[in-house]
């Protein structure tokens, strides 16, 4: 059972580390990013779940969703 959870736990840990680093680096600037310590682990878990399901249409939908989030963060629509 633990072997099945390893990809999800590692995705959660990597997403959390990236989110904490983004919040820490953005705290010195004036811009506030939407991807932080809460959002990045959720996106990482969503990616791990999508890879686990192996459904092409879900991968495309999740990819479009993440691209829209990234563009909105880059443009500053937050």
PDB file of N, CA and C in Angstrom:
ATOM      1  N   UNK A   1       0.815  -1.191   0.000  1.00  0.00           N
ATOM      2  CA  UNK A   1       0.000   0.000   0.000  1.00  0.00           C
ATOM      3  C   UNK A   1       0.864   1.262   0.000  1.00  0.00           C
ATOM      4  N   UNK A   2       1.960   1.226   0.750  1.00  0.00           N
ATOM      5  CA  UNK A   2       2.835   2.394   0.799  1.00  0.00           C
ATOM      6  C   UNK A   2       3.524   2.638  -0.539  1.00  0.00           C
ATOM      7  N   UNK A   3       3.768   1.574  -1.298  1.00  0.00           N
ATOM      8  CA  UNK A   3       4.409   1.733  -2.604  1.00  0.00           C
ATOM      9  C   UNK A   3       3.530   2.520  -3.572  1.00  0.00           C
ATOM     10  N   UNK A   4       2.221   2.413  -3.449  1.00  0.00           N
ATOM     11  CA  UNK A   4       1.310   3.147  -4.321  1.00  0.00           C
ATOM     12  C   UNK A   4       1.237   4.624  -3.953  1.00  0.00           C
ATOM     13  N   UNK A   5       1.560   4.952  -2.706  1.00  0.00           N
ATOM     14  CA  UNK A   5       1.465   6.339  -2.247  1.00  0.00           C
ATOM     15  C   UNK A   5       2.750   7.138  -2.467  1.00  0.00           C
ATOM     16  N   UNK A   6       3.837   6.486  -2.788  1.00  0.00           N
ATOM     17  CA  UNK A   6       5.129   7.168  -2.935  1.00  0.00           C
ATOM     18  C   UNK A   6       5.088   8.267  -3.998  1.00  0.00           C
ATOM     19  N   UNK A   7       4.524   8.046  -5.199  1.00  0.00           N
ATOM     20  CA  UNK A   7       4.480   9.157  -6.171  1.00  0.00           C
ATOM     21  C   UNK A   7       3.682  10.364  -5.682  1.00  0.00           C
ATOM     22  N   UNK A   8       2.593  10.112  -4.967  1.00  0.00           N
ATOM     23  CA  UNK A   8       1.767  11.214  -4.470  1.00  0.00           C
ATOM     24  C   UNK A   8       2.463  11.964  -3.339  1.00  0.00           C
ATOM     25  N   UNK A   9       3.120  11.234  -2.456  1.00  0.00           N
ATOM     26  CA  UNK A   9       3.840  11.881  -1.360  1.00  0.00           C
ATOM     27  C   UNK A   9       5.039  12.683  -1.868  1.00  0.00           C
ATOM     28  N   UNK A  10       5.746  12.133  -2.857  1.00  0.00           N
ATOM     29  CA  UNK A  10       6.884  12.885  -3.402  1.00  0.00           C
ATOM     30  C   UNK A  10       6.410  14.111  -4.176  1.00  0.00           C
ATOM     31  N   UNK A  11       5.282  14.013  -4.892  1.00  0.00           N
ATOM     32  CA  UNK A  11       4.728  15.181  -5.581  1.00  0.00           C
ATOM     33  C   UNK A  11       4.304  16.238  -4.576  1.00  0.00           C
ATOM     34  N   UNK A  12       3.706  15.807  -3.473  1.00  0.00           N
ATOM     35  CA  UNK A  12       3.301  16.742  -2.422  1.00  0.00           C
ATOM     36  C   UNK A  12       4.514  17.438  -1.808  1.00  0.00           C
ATOM     37  N   UNK A  13       5.560  16.685  -1.536  1.00  0.00           N
ATOM     38  CA  UNK A  13       6.755  17.269  -0.931  1.00  0.00           C
ATOM     39  C   UNK A  13       7.457  18.240  -1.877  1.00  0.00           C
ATOM     40  N   UNK A  14       7.586  17.863  -3.139  1.00  0.00           N
ATOM     41  CA  UNK A  14       8.240  18.738  -4.113  1.00  0.00           C
ATOM     42  C   UNK A  14       7.416  19.998  -4.337  1.00  0.00           C
ATOM     43  N   UNK A  15       6.100  19.858  -4.459  1.00  0.00           N
ATOM     44  CA  UNK A  15       5.239  21.027  -4.625  1.00  0.00           C
ATOM     45  C   UNK A  15       5.300  21.954  -3.428  1.00  0.00           C
ATOM     46  N   UNK A  16       5.359  21.386  -2.224  1.00  0.00           N
ATOM     47  CA  UNK A  16       5.456  22.199  -1.021  1.00  0.00           C
ATOM     48  C   UNK A  16       6.780  22.953  -0.963  1.00  0.00           C
ATOM     49  N   UNK A  17       7.870  22.284  -1.318  1.00  0.00           N
ATOM     50  CA  UNK A  17       9.170  22.959  -1.319  1.00  0.00           C
ATOM     51  C   UNK A  17       9.221  24.089  -2.345  1.00  0.00           C
ATOM     52  N   UNK A  18       8.684  23.846  -3.527  1.00  0.00           N
ATOM     53  CA  UNK A  18       8.670  24.887  -4.554  1.00  0.00           C
ATOM     54  C   UNK A  18       7.783  26.052  -4.119  1.00  0.00           C
ATOM     55  N   UNK A  19       6.634  25.749  -3.533  1.00  0.00           N
ATOM     56  CA  UNK A  19       5.730  26.800  -3.079  1.00  0.00           C
ATOM     57  C   UNK A  19       6.329  27.655  -1.976  1.00  0.00           C
ATOM     58  N   UNK A  20       7.009  27.017  -1.027  1.00  0.00           N
ATOM     59  CA  UNK A  20       7.655  27.769   0.052  1.00  0.00           C
ATOM     60  C   UNK A  20       8.756  28.655  -0.508  1.00  0.00           C
ATOM     61  N   UNK A  21       9.524  28.130  -1.458  1.00  0.00           N
ATOM     62  CA  UNK A  21      10.594  28.927  -2.062  1.00  0.00           C
ATOM     63  C   UNK A  21      10.026  30.108  -2.828  1.00  0.00           C
ATOM     64  N   UNK A  22       8.915  29.926  -3.534  1.00  0.00           N
ATOM     65  CA  UNK A  22       8.305  31.036  -4.278  1.00  0.00           C
ATOM     66  C   UNK A  22       7.771  32.105  -3.346  1.00  0.00           C
ATOM     67  N   UNK A  23       7.137  31.696  -2.246  1.00  0.00           N
ATOM     68  CA  UNK A  23       6.643  32.686  -1.292  1.00  0.00           C
ATOM     69  C   UNK A  23       7.784  33.449  -0.647  1.00  0.00           C
ATOM     70  N   UNK A  24       8.852  32.744  -0.354  1.00  0.00           N
ATOM     71  CA  UNK A  24      10.001  33.392   0.285  1.00  0.00           C
ATOM     72  C   UNK A  24      10.684  34.375  -0.667  1.00  0.00           C
ATOM     73  N   UNK A  25      10.818  33.997  -1.930  1.00  0.00           N
ATOM     74  CA  UNK A  25      11.479  34.886  -2.881  1.00  0.00           C
ATOM     75  C   UNK A  25      10.582  36.065  -3.259  1.00  0.00           C
ATOM     76  N   UNK A  26       9.263  35.880  -3.245  1.00  0.00           N
ATOM     77  CA  UNK A  26       8.346  36.966  -3.592  1.00  0.00           C
ATOM     78  C   UNK A  26       8.055  37.883  -2.414  1.00  0.00           C
ATOM     79  N   UNK A  27       8.425  37.498  -1.216  1.00  0.00           N
ATOM     80  CA  UNK A  27       8.150  38.353  -0.061  1.00  0.00           C
ATOM     81  C   UNK A  27       9.036  39.602  -0.066  1.00  0.00           C
ATOM     82  N   UNK A  28      10.164  39.543  -0.772  1.00  0.00           N
ATOM     83  CA  UNK A  28      11.048  40.698  -0.840  1.00  0.00           C
ATOM     84  C   UNK A  28      10.625  41.678  -1.925  1.00  0.00           C
ATOM     85  N   UNK A  29       9.869  41.202  -2.913  1.00  0.00           N
ATOM     86  CA  UNK A  29       9.399  42.084  -3.984  1.00  0.00           C
ATOM     87  C   UNK A  29       8.020  42.624  -3.691  1.00  0.00           C
ATOM     88  N   UNK A  30       7.546  43.483  -4.576  1.00  0.00           N
ATOM     89  CA  UNK A  30       6.237  44.091  -4.381  1.00  0.00           C
ATOM     90  C   UNK A  30       5.130  43.291  -5.052  1.00  0.00           C
ATOM     91  N   UNK A  31       5.477  42.425  -6.002  1.00  0.00           N
ATOM     92  CA  UNK A  31       4.478  41.631  -6.692  1.00  0.00           C
ATOM     93  C   UNK A  31       4.090  40.427  -5.854  1.00  0.00           C
ATOM     94  N   UNK A  32       2.812  40.113  -5.850  1.00  0.00           N
ATOM     95  CA  UNK A  32       2.338  38.946  -5.116  1.00  0.00           C
ATOM     96  C   UNK A  32       1.933  37.877  -6.122  1.00  0.00           C
ATOM     97  N   UNK A  33       2.555  36.713  -6.043  1.00  0.00           N
ATOM     98  CA  UNK A  33       2.276  35.625  -6.966  1.00  0.00           C
ATOM     99  C   UNK A  33       1.144  34.762  -6.419  1.00  0.00           C
ATOM    100  N   UNK A  34       0.376  34.153  -7.324  1.00  0.00           N
ATOM    101  CA  UNK A  34      -0.723  33.306  -6.874  1.00  0.00           C
ATOM    102  C   UNK A  34      -0.253  31.893  -6.554  1.00  0.00           C
ATOM    103  N   UNK A  35       0.918  31.517  -7.026  1.00  0.00           N
ATOM    104  CA  UNK A  35       1.435  30.187  -6.737  1.00  0.00           C
ATOM    105  C   UNK A  35       2.292  30.256  -5.491  1.00  0.00           C
ATOM    106  N   UNK A  36       1.832  29.662  -4.414  1.00  0.00           N
ATOM    107  CA  UNK A  36       2.573  29.694  -3.166  1.00  0.00           C
ATOM    108  C   UNK A  36       2.597  28.334  -2.514  1.00  0.00           C
ATOM    109  N   UNK A  37       2.701  28.334  -1.201  1.00  0.00           N
ATOM    110  CA  UNK A  37       2.837  27.091  -0.444  1.00  0.00           C
ATOM    111  C   UNK A  37       1.539  26.286  -0.404  1.00  0.00           C
ATOM    112  N   UNK A  38       0.424  26.884  -0.746  1.00  0.00           N
ATOM    113  CA  UNK A  38      -0.827  26.116  -0.792  1.00  0.00           C
ATOM    114  C   UNK A  38      -1.169  25.671  -2.200  1.00  0.00           C
ATOM    115  N   UNK A  39      -0.888  26.492  -3.184  1.00  0.00           N
ATOM    116  CA  UNK A  39      -1.290  26.189  -4.549  1.00  0.00           C
ATOM    117  C   UNK A  39      -0.366  25.182  -5.220  1.00  0.00           C
ATOM    118  N   UNK A  40       0.928  25.322  -5.033  1.00  0.00           N
ATOM    119  CA  UNK A  40       1.876  24.439  -5.709  1.00  0.00           C
ATOM    120  C   UNK A  40       1.730  22.970  -5.308  1.00  0.00           C
ATOM    121  N   UNK A  41       1.538  22.629  -4.028  1.00  0.00           N
ATOM    122  CA  UNK A  41       1.311  21.213  -3.717  1.00  0.00           C
ATOM    123  C   UNK A  41       0.030  20.662  -4.343  1.00  0.00           C
ATOM    124  N   UNK A  42      -1.006  21.495  -4.431  1.00  0.00           N
ATOM    125  CA  UNK A  42      -2.243  21.031  -5.062  1.00  0.00           C
ATOM    126  C   UNK A  42      -2.046  20.770  -6.546  1.00  0.00           C
ATOM    127  N   UNK A  43      -1.301  21.639  -7.217  1.00  0.00           N
ATOM    128  CA  UNK A  43      -1.026  21.431  -8.635  1.00  0.00           C
ATOM    129  C   UNK A  43      -0.145  20.199  -8.830  1.00  0.00           C
ATOM    130  N   UNK A  44       0.820  19.995  -7.943  1.00  0.00           N
ATOM    131  CA  UNK A  44       1.680  18.815  -8.031  1.00  0.00           C
ATOM    132  C   UNK A  44       0.882  17.532  -7.804  1.00  0.00           C
ATOM    133  N   UNK A  45      -0.022  17.549  -6.831  1.00  0.00           N
ATOM    134  CA  UNK A  45      -0.880  16.375  -6.604  1.00  0.00           C
ATOM    135  C   UNK A  45      -1.824  16.137  -7.777  1.00  0.00           C
ATOM    136  N   UNK A  46      -2.313  17.202  -8.382  1.00  0.00           N
ATOM    137  CA  UNK A  46      -3.165  17.072  -9.557  1.00  0.00           C
ATOM    138  C   UNK A  46      -2.389  16.430 -10.709  1.00  0.00           C
ATOM    139  N   UNK A  47      -1.135  16.819 -10.867  1.00  0.00           N
ATOM    140  CA  UNK A  47      -0.299  16.209 -11.894  1.00  0.00           C
ATOM    141  C   UNK A  47      -0.014  14.743 -11.616  1.00  0.00           C
ATOM    142  N   UNK A  48       0.235  14.401 -10.363  1.00  0.00           N
ATOM    143  CA  UNK A  48       0.482  13.003 -10.008  1.00  0.00           C
ATOM    144  C   UNK A  48      -0.778  12.161 -10.221  1.00  0.00           C
ATOM    145  N   UNK A  49      -1.923  12.713  -9.869  1.00  0.00           N
ATOM    146  CA  UNK A  49      -3.183  11.992 -10.079  1.00  0.00           C
ATOM    147  C   UNK A  49      -3.473  11.817 -11.562  1.00  0.00           C
ATOM    148  N   UNK A  50      -3.194  12.828 -12.344  1.00  0.00           N
ATOM    149  CA  UNK A  50      -3.396  12.743 -13.788  1.00  0.00           C
ATOM    150  C   UNK A  50      -2.490  11.689 -14.403  1.00  0.00           C
ATOM    151  N   UNK A  51      -1.237  11.640 -13.968  1.00  0.00           N
ATOM    152  CA  UNK A  51      -0.316  10.619 -14.474  1.00  0.00           C
ATOM    153  C   UNK A  51      -0.744   9.222 -14.036  1.00  0.00           C
ATOM    154  N   UNK A  52      -1.316   9.122 -12.861  1.00  0.00           N
ATOM    155  CA  UNK A  52      -1.769   7.825 -12.361  1.00  0.00           C
ATOM    156  C   UNK A  52      -2.982   7.311 -13.141  1.00  0.00           C
ATOM    157  N   UNK A  53      -3.870   8.205 -13.553  1.00  0.00           N
ATOM    158  CA  UNK A  53      -5.073   7.794 -14.273  1.00  0.00           C
ATOM    159  C   UNK A  53      -4.790   7.399 -15.718  1.00  0.00           C
ATOM    160  N   UNK A  54      -3.774   7.965 -16.338  1.00  0.00           N
ATOM    161  CA  UNK A  54      -3.338   7.649 -17.704  1.00  0.00           C
ATOM    162  C   UNK A  54      -4.449   7.845 -18.742  1.00  0.00           C
ATOM    163  N   UNK A  55      -5.251   8.882 -18.582  1.00  0.00           N
ATOM    164  CA  UNK A  55      -6.305   9.197 -19.532  1.00  0.00           C
ATOM    165  C   UNK A  55      -5.881  10.444 -20.307  1.00  0.00           C
ATOM    166  N   UNK A  56      -5.819  10.335 -21.623  1.00  0.00           N
ATOM    167  CA  UNK A  56      -5.281  11.415 -22.453  1.00  0.00           C
ATOM    168  C   UNK A  56      -6.150  12.670 -22.365  1.00  0.00           C
ATOM    169  N   UNK A  57      -7.460  12.520 -22.351  1.00  0.00           N
ATOM    170  CA  UNK A  57      -8.321  13.707 -22.308  1.00  0.00           C
ATOM    171  C   UNK A  57      -8.171  14.449 -20.980  1.00  0.00           C
ATOM    172  N   UNK A  58      -7.988  13.729 -19.882  1.00  0.00           N
ATOM    173  CA  UNK A  58      -7.781  14.385 -18.595  1.00  0.00           C
ATOM    174  C   UNK A  58      -6.438  15.103 -18.572  1.00  0.00           C
ATOM    175  N   UNK A  59      -5.433  14.507 -19.181  1.00  0.00           N
ATOM    176  CA  UNK A  59      -4.112  15.151 -19.242  1.00  0.00           C
ATOM    177  C   UNK A  59      -4.197  16.461 -20.013  1.00  0.00           C
ATOM    178  N   UNK A  60      -4.945  16.480 -21.098  1.00  0.00           N
ATOM    179  CA  UNK A  60      -5.095  17.701 -21.899  1.00  0.00           C
ATOM    180  C   UNK A  60      -5.846  18.770 -21.105  1.00  0.00           C
ATOM    181  N   UNK A  61      -6.913  18.384 -20.425  1.00  0.00           N
ATOM    182  CA  UNK A  61      -7.697  19.352 -19.646  1.00  0.00           C
ATOM    183  C   UNK A  61      -6.856  19.928 -18.509  1.00  0.00           C
ATOM    184  N   UNK A  62      -6.133  19.083 -17.795  1.00  0.00           N
ATOM    185  CA  UNK A  62      -5.291  19.559 -16.698  1.00  0.00           C
ATOM    186  C   UNK A  62      -4.161  20.435 -17.233  1.00  0.00           C
ATOM    187  N   UNK A  63      -3.595  20.075 -18.362  1.00  0.00           N
ATOM    188  CA  UNK A  63      -2.543  20.891 -18.966  1.00  0.00           C
ATOM    189  C   UNK A  63      -3.035  22.284 -19.339  1.00  0.00           C
ATOM    190  N   UNK A  64      -4.232  22.357 -19.907  1.00  0.00           N
ATOM    191  CA  UNK A  64      -4.812  23.658 -20.248  1.00  0.00           C
ATOM    192  C   UNK A  64      -5.074  24.471 -18.982  1.00  0.00           C
ATOM    193  N   UNK A  65      -5.583  23.821 -17.940  1.00  0.00           N
ATOM    194  CA  UNK A  65      -5.849  24.498 -16.670  1.00  0.00           C
ATOM    195  C   UNK A  65      -4.574  25.072 -16.061  1.00  0.00           C
ATOM    196  N   UNK A  66      -3.519  24.293 -16.051  1.00  0.00           N
ATOM    197  CA  UNK A  66      -2.248  24.764 -15.489  1.00  0.00           C
ATOM    198  C   UNK A  66      -1.654  25.880 -16.350  1.00  0.00           C
ATOM    199  N   UNK A  67      -1.810  25.792 -17.664  1.00  0.00           N
ATOM    200  CA  UNK A  67      -1.330  26.871 -18.539  1.00  0.00           C
ATOM    201  C   UNK A  67      -2.083  28.167 -18.288  1.00  0.00           C
ATOM    202  N   UNK A  68      -3.385  28.080 -18.090  1.00  0.00           N
ATOM    203  CA  UNK A  68      -4.170  29.289 -17.789  1.00  0.00           C
ATOM    204  C   UNK A  68      -3.738  29.885 -16.461  1.00  0.00           C
ATOM    205  N   UNK A  69      -3.509  29.041 -15.455  1.00  0.00           N
ATOM    206  CA  UNK A  69      -3.031  29.549 -14.165  1.00  0.00           C
ATOM    207  C   UNK A  69      -1.665  30.214 -14.299  1.00  0.00           C
ATOM    208  N   UNK A  70      -0.792  29.602 -15.063  1.00  0.00           N
ATOM    209  CA  UNK A  70       0.543  30.168 -15.248  1.00  0.00           C
ATOM    210  C   UNK A  70       0.482  31.502 -15.981  1.00  0.00           C
ATOM    211  N   UNK A  71      -0.333  31.579 -17.016  1.00  0.00           N
ATOM    212  CA  UNK A  71      -0.462  32.840 -17.748  1.00  0.00           C
ATOM    213  C   UNK A  71      -1.071  33.929 -16.879  1.00  0.00           C
ATOM    214  N   UNK A  72      -2.058  33.581 -16.076  1.00  0.00           N
ATOM    215  CA  UNK A  72      -2.659  34.594 -15.212  1.00  0.00           C
ATOM    216  C   UNK A  72      -1.677  35.073 -14.153  1.00  0.00           C
ATOM    217  N   UNK A  73      -0.803  34.206 -13.699  1.00  0.00           N
ATOM    218  CA  UNK A  73       0.228  34.611 -12.749  1.00  0.00           C
ATOM    219  C   UNK A  73       1.265  35.503 -13.428  1.00  0.00           C
ATOM    220  N   UNK A  74       1.623  35.167 -14.634  1.00  0.00           N
ATOM    221  CA  UNK A  74       2.644  35.932 -15.358  1.00  0.00           C
ATOM    222  C   UNK A  74       2.131  37.325 -15.729  1.00  0.00           C
ATOM    223  N   UNK A  75       0.891  37.409 -16.155  1.00  0.00           N
ATOM    224  CA  UNK A  75       0.325  38.682 -16.589  1.00  0.00           C
ATOM    225  C   UNK A  75      -0.021  39.547 -15.389  1.00  0.00           C
ATOM    226  N   UNK A  76      -0.364  38.938 -14.274  1.00  0.00           N
ATOM    227  CA  UNK A  76      -0.681  39.691 -13.076  1.00  0.00           C
ATOM    228  C   UNK A  76      -2.158  39.941 -12.868  1.00  0.00           C
ATOM    229  N   UNK A  77      -2.980  38.957 -13.230  1.00  0.00           N
ATOM    230  CA  UNK A  77      -4.421  39.091 -13.076  1.00  0.00           C
ATOM    231  C   UNK A  77      -4.889  38.730 -11.689  1.00  0.00           C
ATOM    232  N   UNK A  78      -4.008  38.587 -10.723  1.00  0.00           N
ATOM    233  CA  UNK A  78      -4.417  38.113  -9.387  1.00  0.00           C
ATOM    234  C   UNK A  78      -4.939  39.234  -8.557  1.00  0.00           C
TER     235      UNK A  78
END
